mmCIF file of all heavy atoms, coordinates in Angstrom:
data_MODEL
# 
_entry.id   MODEL 
# 
loop_
_atom_site.group_PDB 
_atom_site.id 
_atom_site.type_symbol 
_atom_site.label_atom_id 
_atom_site.label_alt_id 
_atom_site.label_comp_id 
_atom_site.label_asym_id 
_atom_site.label_entity_id 
_atom_site.label_seq_id 
_atom_site.pdbx_PDB_ins_code 
_atom_site.Cartn_x 
_atom_site.Cartn_y 
_atom_site.Cartn_z 
_atom_site.occupancy 
_atom_site.B_iso_or_equiv 
_atom_site.pdbx_formal_charge 
_atom_site.auth_seq_id 
_atom_site.auth_comp_id 
_atom_site.auth_asym_id 
_atom_site.auth_atom_id 
_atom_site.pdbx_PDB_model_num 
ATOM 1   N N   . GLU A 1 1  ? 13.338 -24.910 5.808   1.00 0.00 ? 1  GLU A N   1 
ATOM 2   C CA  . GLU A 1 1  ? 12.311 -24.124 5.066   1.00 0.00 ? 1  GLU A CA  1 
ATOM 3   C C   . GLU A 1 1  ? 12.161 -24.744 3.686   1.00 0.00 ? 1  GLU A C   1 
ATOM 4   O O   . GLU A 1 1  ? 13.045 -25.363 3.137   1.00 0.00 ? 1  GLU A O   1 
ATOM 5   C CB  . GLU A 1 1  ? 12.628 -22.621 4.966   1.00 0.00 ? 1  GLU A CB  1 
ATOM 6   C CG  . GLU A 1 1  ? 13.900 -22.283 4.243   1.00 0.00 ? 1  GLU A CG  1 
ATOM 7   C CD  . GLU A 1 1  ? 14.151 -20.785 4.319   1.00 0.00 ? 1  GLU A CD  1 
ATOM 8   O OE1 . GLU A 1 1  ? 13.514 -20.043 5.034   1.00 0.00 ? 1  GLU A OE1 1 
ATOM 9   O OE2 . GLU A 1 1  ? 14.949 -20.314 3.499   1.00 0.00 ? 1  GLU A OE2 1 
ATOM 10  N N   . GLU A 1 2  ? 10.950 -24.516 3.192   1.00 0.00 ? 2  GLU A N   1 
ATOM 11  C CA  . GLU A 1 2  ? 10.620 -24.926 1.853   1.00 0.00 ? 2  GLU A CA  1 
ATOM 12  C C   . GLU A 1 2  ? 11.580 -24.348 0.841   1.00 0.00 ? 2  GLU A C   1 
ATOM 13  O O   . GLU A 1 2  ? 12.011 -23.192 0.936   1.00 0.00 ? 2  GLU A O   1 
ATOM 14  C CB  . GLU A 1 2  ? 9.127  -24.399 1.581   1.00 0.00 ? 2  GLU A CB  1 
ATOM 15  C CG  . GLU A 1 2  ? 8.536  -24.845 0.357   1.00 0.00 ? 2  GLU A CG  1 
ATOM 16  C CD  . GLU A 1 2  ? 7.092  -24.306 0.330   1.00 0.00 ? 2  GLU A CD  1 
ATOM 17  O OE1 . GLU A 1 2  ? 6.635  -23.627 1.233   1.00 0.00 ? 2  GLU A OE1 1 
ATOM 18  O OE2 . GLU A 1 2  ? 6.400  -24.707 -0.629  1.00 0.00 ? 2  GLU A OE2 1 
ATOM 19  N N   . GLN A 1 3  ? 11.962 -25.055 -0.179  1.00 0.00 ? 3  GLN A N   1 
ATOM 20  C CA  . GLN A 1 3  ? 12.941 -24.719 -1.132  1.00 0.00 ? 3  GLN A CA  1 
ATOM 21  C C   . GLN A 1 3  ? 12.298 -23.775 -2.190  1.00 0.00 ? 3  GLN A C   1 
ATOM 22  O O   . GLN A 1 3  ? 11.283 -24.097 -2.692  1.00 0.00 ? 3  GLN A O   1 
ATOM 23  C CB  . GLN A 1 3  ? 13.633 -25.856 -1.795  1.00 0.00 ? 3  GLN A CB  1 
ATOM 24  C CG  . GLN A 1 3  ? 14.773 -25.464 -2.730  1.00 0.00 ? 3  GLN A CG  1 
ATOM 25  C CD  . GLN A 1 3  ? 15.450 -26.740 -3.325  1.00 0.00 ? 3  GLN A CD  1 
ATOM 26  O OE1 . GLN A 1 3  ? 15.042 -27.837 -3.126  1.00 0.00 ? 3  GLN A OE1 1 
ATOM 27  N NE2 . GLN A 1 3  ? 16.505 -26.488 -4.000  1.00 0.00 ? 3  GLN A NE2 1 
ATOM 28  N N   . ILE A 1 4  ? 13.008 -22.726 -2.554  1.00 0.00 ? 4  ILE A N   1 
ATOM 29  C CA  . ILE A 1 4  ? 12.603 -21.881 -3.716  1.00 0.00 ? 4  ILE A CA  1 
ATOM 30  C C   . ILE A 1 4  ? 13.374 -22.372 -4.885  1.00 0.00 ? 4  ILE A C   1 
ATOM 31  O O   . ILE A 1 4  ? 14.612 -22.386 -4.864  1.00 0.00 ? 4  ILE A O   1 
ATOM 32  C CB  . ILE A 1 4  ? 12.873 -20.376 -3.392  1.00 0.00 ? 4  ILE A CB  1 
ATOM 33  C CG1 . ILE A 1 4  ? 11.911 -19.936 -2.277  1.00 0.00 ? 4  ILE A CG1 1 
ATOM 34  C CG2 . ILE A 1 4  ? 12.724 -19.581 -4.621  1.00 0.00 ? 4  ILE A CG2 1 
ATOM 35  C CD1 . ILE A 1 4  ? 12.054 -18.552 -1.900  1.00 0.00 ? 4  ILE A CD1 1 
ATOM 36  N N   . GLN A 1 5  ? 12.644 -22.670 -5.984  1.00 0.00 ? 5  GLN A N   1 
ATOM 37  C CA  . GLN A 1 5  ? 13.295 -23.249 -7.076  1.00 0.00 ? 5  GLN A CA  1 
ATOM 38  C C   . GLN A 1 5  ? 13.315 -22.322 -8.283  1.00 0.00 ? 5  GLN A C   1 
ATOM 39  O O   . GLN A 1 5  ? 13.943 -22.569 -9.324  1.00 0.00 ? 5  GLN A O   1 
ATOM 40  C CB  . GLN A 1 5  ? 12.616 -24.510 -7.476  1.00 0.00 ? 5  GLN A CB  1 
ATOM 41  C CG  . GLN A 1 5  ? 12.813 -25.578 -6.358  1.00 0.00 ? 5  GLN A CG  1 
ATOM 42  C CD  . GLN A 1 5  ? 12.062 -26.834 -6.674  1.00 0.00 ? 5  GLN A CD  1 
ATOM 43  O OE1 . GLN A 1 5  ? 11.802 -27.169 -7.751  1.00 0.00 ? 5  GLN A OE1 1 
ATOM 44  N NE2 . GLN A 1 5  ? 11.862 -27.696 -5.656  1.00 0.00 ? 5  GLN A NE2 1 
ATOM 45  N N   . ALA A 1 6  ? 12.524 -21.234 -8.344  1.00 0.00 ? 6  ALA A N   1 
ATOM 46  C CA  . ALA A 1 6  ? 12.492 -20.275 -9.415  1.00 0.00 ? 6  ALA A CA  1 
ATOM 47  C C   . ALA A 1 6  ? 13.527 -19.175 -9.243  1.00 0.00 ? 6  ALA A C   1 
ATOM 48  O O   . ALA A 1 6  ? 14.231 -19.111 -8.288  1.00 0.00 ? 6  ALA A O   1 
ATOM 49  C CB  . ALA A 1 6  ? 11.106 -19.751 -9.606  1.00 0.00 ? 6  ALA A CB  1 
ATOM 50  N N   . LYS A 1 7  ? 13.490 -18.198 -10.140 1.00 0.00 ? 7  LYS A N   1 
ATOM 51  C CA  . LYS A 1 7  ? 14.437 -17.057 -10.143 1.00 0.00 ? 7  LYS A CA  1 
ATOM 52  C C   . LYS A 1 7  ? 14.124 -16.209 -8.920  1.00 0.00 ? 7  LYS A C   1 
ATOM 53  O O   . LYS A 1 7  ? 12.990 -15.941 -8.594  1.00 0.00 ? 7  LYS A O   1 
ATOM 54  C CB  . LYS A 1 7  ? 14.231 -16.236 -11.330 1.00 0.00 ? 7  LYS A CB  1 
ATOM 55  C CG  . LYS A 1 7  ? 15.191 -15.003 -11.385 1.00 0.00 ? 7  LYS A CG  1 
ATOM 56  C CD  . LYS A 1 7  ? 14.852 -14.138 -12.606 1.00 0.00 ? 7  LYS A CD  1 
ATOM 57  C CE  . LYS A 1 7  ? 15.704 -12.914 -12.472 1.00 0.00 ? 7  LYS A CE  1 
ATOM 58  N NZ  . LYS A 1 7  ? 15.155 -11.789 -13.211 1.00 0.00 ? 7  LYS A NZ  1 
ATOM 59  N N   . PHE A 1 8  ? 15.201 -15.962 -8.120  1.00 0.00 ? 8  PHE A N   1 
ATOM 60  C CA  . PHE A 1 8  ? 15.051 -15.230 -6.876  1.00 0.00 ? 8  PHE A CA  1 
ATOM 61  C C   . PHE A 1 8  ? 14.934 -13.713 -7.186  1.00 0.00 ? 8  PHE A C   1 
ATOM 62  O O   . PHE A 1 8  ? 15.814 -13.196 -7.898  1.00 0.00 ? 8  PHE A O   1 
ATOM 63  C CB  . PHE A 1 8  ? 16.322 -15.587 -5.956  1.00 0.00 ? 8  PHE A CB  1 
ATOM 64  C CG  . PHE A 1 8  ? 16.129 -15.151 -4.567  1.00 0.00 ? 8  PHE A CG  1 
ATOM 65  C CD1 . PHE A 1 8  ? 15.501 -15.947 -3.638  1.00 0.00 ? 8  PHE A CD1 1 
ATOM 66  C CD2 . PHE A 1 8  ? 16.549 -13.898 -4.126  1.00 0.00 ? 8  PHE A CD2 1 
ATOM 67  C CE1 . PHE A 1 8  ? 15.339 -15.529 -2.311  1.00 0.00 ? 8  PHE A CE1 1 
ATOM 68  C CE2 . PHE A 1 8  ? 16.431 -13.449 -2.848  1.00 0.00 ? 8  PHE A CE2 1 
ATOM 69  C CZ  . PHE A 1 8  ? 15.816 -14.323 -1.889  1.00 0.00 ? 8  PHE A CZ  1 
ATOM 70  N N   . VAL A 1 9  ? 14.043 -13.069 -6.490  1.00 0.00 ? 9  VAL A N   1 
ATOM 71  C CA  . VAL A 1 9  ? 13.852 -11.651 -6.754  1.00 0.00 ? 9  VAL A CA  1 
ATOM 72  C C   . VAL A 1 9  ? 13.795 -10.914 -5.403  1.00 0.00 ? 9  VAL A C   1 
ATOM 73  O O   . VAL A 1 9  ? 13.168 -11.356 -4.433  1.00 0.00 ? 9  VAL A O   1 
ATOM 74  C CB  . VAL A 1 9  ? 12.500 -11.331 -7.487  1.00 0.00 ? 9  VAL A CB  1 
ATOM 75  C CG1 . VAL A 1 9  ? 12.283 -9.836  -7.678  1.00 0.00 ? 9  VAL A CG1 1 
ATOM 76  C CG2 . VAL A 1 9  ? 12.439 -12.047 -8.809  1.00 0.00 ? 9  VAL A CG2 1 
ATOM 77  N N   . LYS A 1 10 ? 14.450 -9.735  -5.318  1.00 0.00 ? 10 LYS A N   1 
ATOM 78  C CA  . LYS A 1 10 ? 14.391 -8.893  -4.188  1.00 0.00 ? 10 LYS A CA  1 
ATOM 79  C C   . LYS A 1 10 ? 13.345 -7.782  -4.523  1.00 0.00 ? 10 LYS A C   1 
ATOM 80  O O   . LYS A 1 10 ? 13.592 -6.926  -5.279  1.00 0.00 ? 10 LYS A O   1 
ATOM 81  C CB  . LYS A 1 10 ? 15.783 -8.266  -3.824  1.00 0.00 ? 10 LYS A CB  1 
ATOM 82  C CG  . LYS A 1 10 ? 15.739 -7.378  -2.624  1.00 0.00 ? 10 LYS A CG  1 
ATOM 83  C CD  . LYS A 1 10 ? 15.879 -8.130  -1.373  1.00 0.00 ? 10 LYS A CD  1 
ATOM 84  C CE  . LYS A 1 10 ? 16.967 -7.464  -0.493  1.00 0.00 ? 10 LYS A CE  1 
ATOM 85  N NZ  . LYS A 1 10 ? 17.055 -8.158  0.760   1.00 0.00 ? 10 LYS A NZ  1 
ATOM 86  N N   . TYR A 1 11 ? 12.146 -7.877  -3.856  1.00 0.00 ? 11 TYR A N   1 
ATOM 87  C CA  . TYR A 1 11 ? 11.051 -6.914  -4.192  1.00 0.00 ? 11 TYR A CA  1 
ATOM 88  C C   . TYR A 1 11 ? 11.182 -5.623  -3.480  1.00 0.00 ? 11 TYR A C   1 
ATOM 89  O O   . TYR A 1 11 ? 11.030 -4.511  -4.030  1.00 0.00 ? 11 TYR A O   1 
ATOM 90  C CB  . TYR A 1 11 ? 9.684  -7.526  -3.900  1.00 0.00 ? 11 TYR A CB  1 
ATOM 91  C CG  . TYR A 1 11 ? 9.412  -8.740  -4.709  1.00 0.00 ? 11 TYR A CG  1 
ATOM 92  C CD1 . TYR A 1 11 ? 9.438  -10.006 -4.134  1.00 0.00 ? 11 TYR A CD1 1 
ATOM 93  C CD2 . TYR A 1 11 ? 8.997  -8.673  -6.032  1.00 0.00 ? 11 TYR A CD2 1 
ATOM 94  C CE1 . TYR A 1 11 ? 9.166  -11.170 -4.883  1.00 0.00 ? 11 TYR A CE1 1 
ATOM 95  C CE2 . TYR A 1 11 ? 8.742  -9.813  -6.792  1.00 0.00 ? 11 TYR A CE2 1 
ATOM 96  C CZ  . TYR A 1 11 ? 8.810  -11.026 -6.261  1.00 0.00 ? 11 TYR A CZ  1 
ATOM 97  O OH  . TYR A 1 11 ? 8.515  -12.129 -6.982  1.00 0.00 ? 11 TYR A OH  1 
ATOM 98  N N   . ILE A 1 12 ? 11.469 -5.660  -2.157  1.00 0.00 ? 12 ILE A N   1 
ATOM 99  C CA  . ILE A 1 12 ? 11.678 -4.489  -1.323  1.00 0.00 ? 12 ILE A CA  1 
ATOM 100 C C   . ILE A 1 12 ? 12.746 -4.720  -0.356  1.00 0.00 ? 12 ILE A C   1 
ATOM 101 O O   . ILE A 1 12 ? 12.797 -5.769  0.333   1.00 0.00 ? 12 ILE A O   1 
ATOM 102 C CB  . ILE A 1 12 ? 10.340 -4.216  -0.473  1.00 0.00 ? 12 ILE A CB  1 
ATOM 103 C CG1 . ILE A 1 12 ? 9.130  -3.996  -1.418  1.00 0.00 ? 12 ILE A CG1 1 
ATOM 104 C CG2 . ILE A 1 12 ? 10.534 -3.015  0.408   1.00 0.00 ? 12 ILE A CG2 1 
ATOM 105 C CD1 . ILE A 1 12 ? 7.854  -3.834  -0.671  1.00 0.00 ? 12 ILE A CD1 1 
ATOM 106 N N   . HIS A 1 13 ? 13.716 -3.827  -0.300  1.00 0.00 ? 13 HIS A N   1 
ATOM 107 C CA  . HIS A 1 13 ? 14.793 -3.890  0.666   1.00 0.00 ? 13 HIS A CA  1 
ATOM 108 C C   . HIS A 1 13 ? 14.306 -3.383  2.023   1.00 0.00 ? 13 HIS A C   1 
ATOM 109 O O   . HIS A 1 13 ? 13.364 -2.646  2.091   1.00 0.00 ? 13 HIS A O   1 
ATOM 110 C CB  . HIS A 1 13 ? 15.946 -2.968  0.146   1.00 0.00 ? 13 HIS A CB  1 
ATOM 111 C CG  . HIS A 1 13 ? 17.228 -3.089  0.851   1.00 0.00 ? 13 HIS A CG  1 
ATOM 112 N ND1 . HIS A 1 13 ? 17.452 -2.417  2.037   1.00 0.00 ? 13 HIS A ND1 1 
ATOM 113 C CD2 . HIS A 1 13 ? 18.285 -3.850  0.660   1.00 0.00 ? 13 HIS A CD2 1 
ATOM 114 C CE1 . HIS A 1 13 ? 18.636 -2.722  2.434   1.00 0.00 ? 13 HIS A CE1 1 
ATOM 115 N NE2 . HIS A 1 13 ? 19.196 -3.589  1.654   1.00 0.00 ? 13 HIS A NE2 1 
ATOM 116 N N   . ASN A 1 14 ? 14.970 -3.820  3.112   1.00 0.00 ? 14 ASN A N   1 
ATOM 117 C CA  . ASN A 1 14 ? 14.522 -3.414  4.423   1.00 0.00 ? 14 ASN A CA  1 
ATOM 118 C C   . ASN A 1 14 ? 14.969 -1.958  4.747   1.00 0.00 ? 14 ASN A C   1 
ATOM 119 O O   . ASN A 1 14 ? 14.603 -1.439  5.798   1.00 0.00 ? 14 ASN A O   1 
ATOM 120 C CB  . ASN A 1 14 ? 14.956 -4.366  5.516   1.00 0.00 ? 14 ASN A CB  1 
ATOM 121 C CG  . ASN A 1 14 ? 16.383 -4.562  5.624   1.00 0.00 ? 14 ASN A CG  1 
ATOM 122 O OD1 . ASN A 1 14 ? 17.175 -4.357  4.702   1.00 0.00 ? 14 ASN A OD1 1 
ATOM 123 N ND2 . ASN A 1 14 ? 16.872 -4.879  6.823   1.00 0.00 ? 14 ASN A ND2 1 
ATOM 124 N N   . GLY A 1 15 ? 15.674 -1.272  3.901   1.00 0.00 ? 15 GLY A N   1 
ATOM 125 C CA  . GLY A 1 15 ? 16.131 0.096   4.185   1.00 0.00 ? 15 GLY A CA  1 
ATOM 126 C C   . GLY A 1 15 ? 15.206 1.183   3.619   1.00 0.00 ? 15 GLY A C   1 
ATOM 127 O O   . GLY A 1 15 ? 15.251 2.291   3.976   1.00 0.00 ? 15 GLY A O   1 
ATOM 128 N N   . GLU A 1 16 ? 14.243 0.798   2.734   1.00 0.00 ? 16 GLU A N   1 
ATOM 129 C CA  . GLU A 1 16 ? 13.317 1.713   2.141   1.00 0.00 ? 16 GLU A CA  1 
ATOM 130 C C   . GLU A 1 16 ? 11.959 1.061   1.873   1.00 0.00 ? 16 GLU A C   1 
ATOM 131 O O   . GLU A 1 16 ? 11.930 -0.143  1.366   1.00 0.00 ? 16 GLU A O   1 
ATOM 132 C CB  . GLU A 1 16 ? 13.832 2.204   0.753   1.00 0.00 ? 16 GLU A CB  1 
ATOM 133 C CG  . GLU A 1 16 ? 15.071 3.038   0.785   1.00 0.00 ? 16 GLU A CG  1 
ATOM 134 C CD  . GLU A 1 16 ? 14.796 4.491   1.242   1.00 0.00 ? 16 GLU A CD  1 
ATOM 135 O OE1 . GLU A 1 16 ? 13.650 4.940   0.994   1.00 0.00 ? 16 GLU A OE1 1 
ATOM 136 O OE2 . GLU A 1 16 ? 15.688 5.057   1.835   1.00 0.00 ? 16 GLU A OE2 1 
ATOM 137 N N   . PRO A 1 17 ? 10.888 1.735   2.130   1.00 0.00 ? 17 PRO A N   1 
ATOM 138 C CA  . PRO A 1 17 ? 9.534  1.139   1.899   1.00 0.00 ? 17 PRO A CA  1 
ATOM 139 C C   . PRO A 1 17 ? 9.084  1.342   0.472   1.00 0.00 ? 17 PRO A C   1 
ATOM 140 O O   . PRO A 1 17 ? 7.939  1.810   0.233   1.00 0.00 ? 17 PRO A O   1 
ATOM 141 C CB  . PRO A 1 17 ? 8.653  1.729   2.922   1.00 0.00 ? 17 PRO A CB  1 
ATOM 142 C CG  . PRO A 1 17 ? 9.215  3.148   3.064   1.00 0.00 ? 17 PRO A CG  1 
ATOM 143 C CD  . PRO A 1 17 ? 10.758 2.979   2.898   1.00 0.00 ? 17 PRO A CD  1 
ATOM 144 N N   . THR A 1 18 ? 9.942  1.148   -0.490  1.00 0.00 ? 18 THR A N   1 
ATOM 145 C CA  . THR A 1 18 ? 9.651  1.366   -1.881  1.00 0.00 ? 18 THR A CA  1 
ATOM 146 C C   . THR A 1 18 ? 10.159 0.191   -2.728  1.00 0.00 ? 18 THR A C   1 
ATOM 147 O O   . THR A 1 18 ? 10.925 -0.572  -2.273  1.00 0.00 ? 18 THR A O   1 
ATOM 148 C CB  . THR A 1 18 ? 10.379 2.679   -2.391  1.00 0.00 ? 18 THR A CB  1 
ATOM 149 O OG1 . THR A 1 18 ? 11.708 2.520   -2.199  1.00 0.00 ? 18 THR A OG1 1 
ATOM 150 C CG2 . THR A 1 18 ? 9.823  3.910   -1.683  1.00 0.00 ? 18 THR A CG2 1 
ATOM 151 N N   . PRO A 1 19 ? 9.539  -0.016  -3.909  1.00 0.00 ? 19 PRO A N   1 
ATOM 152 C CA  . PRO A 1 19 ? 9.988  -1.183  -4.719  1.00 0.00 ? 19 PRO A CA  1 
ATOM 153 C C   . PRO A 1 19 ? 11.520 -1.118  -4.998  1.00 0.00 ? 19 PRO A C   1 
ATOM 154 O O   . PRO A 1 19 ? 12.076 -0.071  -5.220  1.00 0.00 ? 19 PRO A O   1 
ATOM 155 C CB  . PRO A 1 19 ? 9.262  -0.979  -6.016  1.00 0.00 ? 19 PRO A CB  1 
ATOM 156 C CG  . PRO A 1 19 ? 8.038  -0.214  -5.678  1.00 0.00 ? 19 PRO A CG  1 
ATOM 157 C CD  . PRO A 1 19 ? 8.429  0.703   -4.560  1.00 0.00 ? 19 PRO A CD  1 
ATOM 158 N N   . PHE A 1 20 ? 12.117 -2.278  -4.836  1.00 0.00 ? 20 PHE A N   1 
ATOM 159 C CA  . PHE A 1 20 ? 13.597 -2.408  -5.094  1.00 0.00 ? 20 PHE A CA  1 
ATOM 160 C C   . PHE A 1 20 ? 13.782 -2.710  -6.574  1.00 0.00 ? 20 PHE A C   1 
ATOM 161 O O   . PHE A 1 20 ? 14.881 -2.426  -7.137  1.00 0.00 ? 20 PHE A O   1 
ATOM 162 C CB  . PHE A 1 20 ? 14.146 -3.540  -4.228  1.00 0.00 ? 20 PHE A CB  1 
ATOM 163 C CG  . PHE A 1 20 ? 15.657 -3.614  -4.221  1.00 0.00 ? 20 PHE A CG  1 
ATOM 164 C CD1 . PHE A 1 20 ? 16.369 -2.599  -3.615  1.00 0.00 ? 20 PHE A CD1 1 
ATOM 165 C CD2 . PHE A 1 20 ? 16.291 -4.611  -4.846  1.00 0.00 ? 20 PHE A CD2 1 
ATOM 166 C CE1 . PHE A 1 20 ? 17.725 -2.649  -3.549  1.00 0.00 ? 20 PHE A CE1 1 
ATOM 167 C CE2 . PHE A 1 20 ? 17.717 -4.739  -4.759  1.00 0.00 ? 20 PHE A CE2 1 
ATOM 168 C CZ  . PHE A 1 20 ? 18.440 -3.749  -4.094  1.00 0.00 ? 20 PHE A CZ  1 
ATOM 169 N N   . VAL A 1 21 ? 12.801 -3.242  -7.249  1.00 0.00 ? 21 VAL A N   1 
ATOM 170 C CA  . VAL A 1 21 ? 12.886 -3.496  -8.745  1.00 0.00 ? 21 VAL A CA  1 
ATOM 171 C C   . VAL A 1 21 ? 12.448 -2.197  -9.400  1.00 0.00 ? 21 VAL A C   1 
ATOM 172 O O   . VAL A 1 21 ? 11.619 -1.525  -8.934  1.00 0.00 ? 21 VAL A O   1 
ATOM 173 C CB  . VAL A 1 21 ? 12.063 -4.708  -9.128  1.00 0.00 ? 21 VAL A CB  1 
ATOM 174 C CG1 . VAL A 1 21 ? 12.610 -5.976  -8.557  1.00 0.00 ? 21 VAL A CG1 1 
ATOM 175 C CG2 . VAL A 1 21 ? 10.584 -4.554  -8.811  1.00 0.00 ? 21 VAL A CG2 1 
ATOM 176 N N   . PRO A 1 22 ? 13.058 -1.893  -10.584 1.00 0.00 ? 22 PRO A N   1 
ATOM 177 C CA  . PRO A 1 22 ? 12.677 -0.631  -11.310 1.00 0.00 ? 22 PRO A CA  1 
ATOM 178 C C   . PRO A 1 22 ? 11.339 -0.802  -11.984 1.00 0.00 ? 22 PRO A C   1 
ATOM 179 O O   . PRO A 1 22 ? 10.966 -1.917  -12.387 1.00 0.00 ? 22 PRO A O   1 
ATOM 180 C CB  . PRO A 1 22 ? 13.842 -0.479  -12.292 1.00 0.00 ? 22 PRO A CB  1 
ATOM 181 C CG  . PRO A 1 22 ? 14.385 -1.894  -12.474 1.00 0.00 ? 22 PRO A CG  1 
ATOM 182 C CD  . PRO A 1 22 ? 14.122 -2.628  -11.222 1.00 0.00 ? 22 PRO A CD  1 
ATOM 183 N N   . PRO A 1 23 ? 10.667 0.356   -12.263 1.00 0.00 ? 23 PRO A N   1 
ATOM 184 C CA  . PRO A 1 23 ? 9.461  0.306   -13.056 1.00 0.00 ? 23 PRO A CA  1 
ATOM 185 C C   . PRO A 1 23 ? 9.790  -0.290  -14.421 1.00 0.00 ? 23 PRO A C   1 
ATOM 186 O O   . PRO A 1 23 ? 10.874 -0.106  -14.934 1.00 0.00 ? 23 PRO A O   1 
ATOM 187 C CB  . PRO A 1 23 ? 9.100  1.850   -13.199 1.00 0.00 ? 23 PRO A CB  1 
ATOM 188 C CG  . PRO A 1 23 ? 9.742  2.536   -12.072 1.00 0.00 ? 23 PRO A CG  1 
ATOM 189 C CD  . PRO A 1 23 ? 11.031 1.693   -11.778 1.00 0.00 ? 23 PRO A CD  1 
ATOM 190 N N   . GLY A 1 24 ? 8.884  -1.055  -14.919 1.00 0.00 ? 24 GLY A N   1 
ATOM 191 C CA  . GLY A 1 24 ? 9.081  -1.707  -16.202 1.00 0.00 ? 24 GLY A CA  1 
ATOM 192 C C   . GLY A 1 24 ? 9.555  -3.130  -16.012 1.00 0.00 ? 24 GLY A C   1 
ATOM 193 O O   . GLY A 1 24 ? 9.420  -3.943  -17.012 1.00 0.00 ? 24 GLY A O   1 
# 
């Protein structure tokens, strides 16, 4: 797979259909 070179972020976890990152 294509390489990701920037900061890695988890946006949504597979256990909840809500943002994993906090507001703000």
